[in-house]
Protein backbone atom coordinates (compact mmCIF):
# COMPACT_ATOMS: atom_id res chain seq x y z
CA MET A 1 -2.96 -36.59 -6.55
CA THR A 2 -0.30 -39.00 -7.70
CA THR A 3 -0.28 -42.53 -6.41
CA ASP A 4 0.41 -41.67 -2.82
CA SER A 5 4.16 -41.74 -2.37
CA PRO A 6 4.84 -41.84 1.38
CA LYS A 7 8.59 -41.47 0.80
CA GLU A 8 8.12 -38.32 -1.27
CA VAL A 9 5.74 -36.89 1.32
CA SER A 10 8.20 -37.74 4.12
CA LEU A 11 11.08 -36.11 2.22
CA LEU A 12 9.05 -32.95 1.57
CA LEU A 13 7.97 -32.81 5.22
CA SER A 14 11.59 -33.08 6.28
CA ALA A 15 12.62 -30.33 3.86
CA TRP A 16 9.75 -28.14 5.08
CA SER A 17 10.84 -28.73 8.69
CA ASP A 18 14.30 -27.57 7.67
CA GLY A 19 12.87 -24.29 6.39
CA ASP A 20 12.41 -25.04 2.68
CA HIS A 21 9.20 -23.14 1.84
CA ALA A 22 9.19 -24.48 -1.72
CA ALA A 23 8.77 -27.96 -0.24
CA LEU A 24 5.45 -26.86 1.25
CA ASP A 25 4.19 -25.84 -2.20
CA LYS A 26 5.05 -29.33 -3.51
CA LEU A 27 3.61 -31.02 -0.42
CA VAL A 28 0.12 -29.51 -0.51
CA PRO A 29 -1.09 -31.29 -3.68
CA LEU A 30 0.21 -34.60 -2.30
CA VAL A 31 -1.60 -34.37 1.04
CA TYR A 32 -4.72 -32.31 0.27
CA ASP A 33 -6.94 -35.20 -0.81
CA GLU A 34 -6.08 -37.13 2.34
CA LEU A 35 -6.75 -34.05 4.52
CA HIS A 36 -10.10 -33.65 2.78
CA ARG A 37 -10.90 -37.34 3.36
CA LEU A 38 -10.09 -36.99 7.06
CA ALA A 39 -12.25 -33.88 7.28
CA HIS A 40 -15.12 -35.68 5.55
CA ARG A 41 -14.84 -38.52 8.04
CA TYR A 42 -15.16 -36.06 10.92
CA ILE A 43 -17.98 -34.04 9.39
CA SER A 44 -20.01 -37.17 8.63
CA ARG A 45 -20.14 -37.80 12.40
CA GLU A 46 -21.29 -34.27 13.19
CA ARG A 47 -24.76 -32.96 13.90
CA PRO A 48 -27.19 -32.86 10.97
CA ASP A 49 -27.54 -29.08 11.40
CA ASN A 50 -23.78 -28.56 11.50
CA THR A 51 -22.75 -25.52 9.47
CA LEU A 52 -19.08 -26.46 9.14
CA GLN A 53 -18.30 -27.91 5.73
CA THR A 54 -15.73 -30.60 4.94
CA THR A 55 -13.62 -28.21 2.88
CA ALA A 56 -13.67 -25.58 5.63
CA LEU A 57 -12.47 -28.13 8.20
CA ALA A 58 -9.70 -29.33 5.88
CA HIS A 59 -8.61 -25.73 5.23
CA GLU A 60 -8.70 -24.76 8.92
CA ALA A 61 -6.61 -27.81 9.80
CA TYR A 62 -4.19 -27.00 6.97
CA LEU A 63 -3.83 -23.39 8.17
CA ARG A 64 -3.13 -24.57 11.70
CA LEU A 65 -0.59 -27.12 10.43
CA VAL A 66 1.23 -24.47 8.42
CA ASP A 67 1.36 -22.25 11.53
CA VAL A 68 2.94 -24.97 13.67
CA LYS A 69 6.48 -23.90 14.45
CA GLY A 70 9.41 -26.08 15.41
CA VAL A 71 7.86 -29.42 14.48
CA SER A 72 10.32 -31.94 13.16
CA TRP A 73 8.03 -33.96 10.93
CA GLN A 74 9.02 -37.62 11.16
CA ASN A 75 7.04 -38.94 8.20
CA ARG A 76 3.70 -38.97 6.44
CA ALA A 77 1.95 -40.87 9.25
CA HIS A 78 3.18 -38.31 11.80
CA PHE A 79 1.83 -35.47 9.66
CA PHE A 80 -1.61 -37.04 9.34
CA ALA A 81 -1.66 -37.90 13.04
CA VAL A 82 -1.11 -34.23 13.86
CA ALA A 83 -3.70 -33.25 11.23
CA ALA A 84 -6.25 -35.57 12.84
CA GLN A 85 -5.47 -34.07 16.22
CA MET A 86 -5.99 -30.56 14.81
CA MET A 87 -9.35 -31.52 13.32
CA ARG A 88 -10.45 -33.07 16.60
CA ARG A 89 -9.52 -29.87 18.45
CA ILE A 90 -11.40 -27.72 15.94
CA LEU A 91 -14.56 -29.82 16.32
CA VAL A 92 -14.28 -30.02 20.11
CA ASP A 93 -13.88 -26.23 20.26
CA LEU A 94 -16.94 -25.86 18.02
CA ALA A 95 -18.94 -28.29 20.19
CA ARG A 96 -17.92 -26.40 23.34
CA ALA A 97 -18.96 -23.11 21.78
CA ARG A 98 -22.36 -24.53 20.83
CA GLN A 99 -22.73 -26.13 24.27
CA ASN A 100 -22.00 -22.81 25.94
CA LEU A 101 -24.86 -21.25 23.98
CA LYS A 102 -27.31 -23.64 25.58
CA ARG A 103 -28.42 -22.71 29.07
CA GLY A 104 -27.83 -25.51 31.52
CA GLY A 105 -26.72 -27.83 28.74
CA GLY A 106 -24.38 -30.21 30.59
CA ALA A 107 -22.54 -32.90 28.68
CA GLN A 108 -24.54 -36.09 28.39
CA GLN A 109 -22.72 -39.39 28.96
CA VAL A 110 -23.08 -41.93 26.13
CA SER A 111 -21.55 -45.22 25.15
CA LEU A 112 -18.59 -45.34 22.80
CA ASP A 113 -20.85 -47.08 20.29
CA GLY A 114 -23.21 -44.12 20.57
CA VAL A 115 -20.36 -41.79 19.69
CA LEU A 116 -19.14 -43.97 16.85
CA VAL A 117 -22.60 -44.04 15.26
CA ALA A 118 -24.61 -41.00 14.19
CA SER A 119 -26.37 -39.32 17.11
CA PRO A 120 -28.55 -36.21 17.41
CA GLU A 121 -26.60 -35.01 20.46
CA ARG A 122 -23.18 -35.07 18.81
CA ASP A 123 -21.85 -32.00 20.60
CA SER A 124 -22.38 -33.70 23.95
CA ASP A 125 -21.03 -36.96 22.55
CA MET A 126 -17.90 -35.27 21.23
CA LEU A 127 -17.32 -33.48 24.54
CA ALA A 128 -17.90 -36.67 26.57
CA LEU A 129 -15.50 -38.60 24.35
CA ASP A 130 -12.93 -35.81 24.53
CA GLU A 131 -13.12 -35.77 28.34
CA ALA A 132 -12.90 -39.57 28.52
CA LEU A 133 -9.87 -39.54 26.20
CA SER A 134 -8.22 -36.94 28.43
CA ARG A 135 -8.79 -39.20 31.46
CA LEU A 136 -7.42 -42.17 29.51
CA ALA A 137 -4.36 -40.12 28.51
CA ALA A 138 -3.63 -39.51 32.19
CA LEU A 139 -3.75 -43.26 32.84
CA ASN A 140 -2.30 -44.61 29.62
CA PRO A 141 -1.04 -42.03 27.13
CA ARG A 142 -0.22 -44.58 24.45
CA GLN A 143 -3.72 -46.10 24.44
CA SER A 144 -5.23 -42.62 24.21
CA GLN A 145 -2.94 -41.81 21.30
CA VAL A 146 -3.87 -45.08 19.57
CA VAL A 147 -7.58 -44.20 19.84
CA GLU A 148 -6.96 -40.73 18.50
CA LEU A 149 -4.92 -41.99 15.55
CA ARG A 150 -7.20 -44.92 14.68
CA TYR A 151 -10.60 -43.37 15.30
CA PHE A 152 -10.03 -39.72 14.52
CA GLY A 153 -7.09 -40.03 12.16
CA GLY A 154 -8.23 -43.10 10.27
CA LEU A 155 -4.67 -44.44 10.31
CA THR A 156 -4.00 -48.15 9.86
CA ASP A 157 -2.45 -50.28 12.60
CA GLU A 158 0.85 -50.11 10.74
CA GLU A 159 0.74 -46.31 10.45
CA VAL A 160 -0.23 -45.93 14.10
CA GLY A 161 2.63 -48.26 15.06
CA GLU A 162 4.98 -46.10 13.03
CA VAL A 163 3.91 -42.96 14.88
CA VAL A 164 3.76 -44.50 18.35
CA LYS A 165 6.83 -46.67 17.72
CA VAL A 166 5.26 -50.02 18.61
CA SER A 167 4.29 -53.08 16.58
CA PRO A 168 0.93 -53.30 14.79
CA ARG A 169 0.06 -56.16 17.16
CA THR A 170 0.59 -53.86 20.16
CA VAL A 171 -1.56 -51.22 18.43
CA ARG A 172 -4.39 -53.75 18.04
CA SER A 173 -4.07 -54.75 21.70
CA ASP A 174 -4.05 -51.11 22.87
CA TRP A 175 -7.06 -50.38 20.63
CA ARG A 176 -9.09 -53.26 22.13
CA LEU A 177 -8.22 -52.32 25.72
CA ALA A 178 -8.88 -48.62 25.14
CA LYS A 179 -12.29 -49.31 23.55
CA VAL A 180 -13.34 -51.38 26.57
CA TRP A 181 -12.10 -48.70 28.97
CA LEU A 182 -13.84 -45.92 27.05
CA TYR A 183 -17.06 -47.89 26.77
CA ARG A 184 -17.09 -48.40 30.54
CA GLU A 185 -16.32 -44.72 31.17
CA LEU A 186 -18.92 -43.41 28.77
CA SER A 187 -21.67 -45.78 29.85
CA SER A 188 -21.05 -45.45 33.61
CA GLY A 189 -22.42 -41.92 33.82
CA VAL A 190 -19.48 -40.95 36.01
CA ASN A 191 -18.45 -37.37 35.49
CA ASP A 192 -15.22 -37.09 37.44
CA ASP A 193 -14.41 -33.41 37.76
CA SER A 194 -11.92 -33.88 40.60
């Protein structure tokens, strides 16, 4: 990968959005290493007996990204934000599938710190965090998006601000507030299904 050129990536994404399939061929080598890094970050938080490999997650996310129709890619940060979202969905779907295999295996509530650090019950942790993020999105969509982009996407405050269209200072504030809210939700044991 060349020294990451966000402008080149943004231009290729724009060309790809406009239907230039050759732009996609030029784009893949520029973004693959970053997709693989994101996938590795996700996989490192997964269960020790997880069978999904980093490369498989990166490829599955890539295939889903290529299949997305009608997206007007704004820039590099937007692309990686969507990629992070795809990877999160893939892992949540996998966790749900594994959870469904267990009889009577309800999702266990854990603290955000418990989710952020390695845990033997990662399927439950991932599902609990996903549900809490969905509740947060209903209350404050921007804070939920900031969590997703920072935690799952590994984006910087500046990159998140670019995607969400707020200042890095606002991103930091949203991040702090969202972490407190999520911590309270995950540690309260409340499972609000209504």
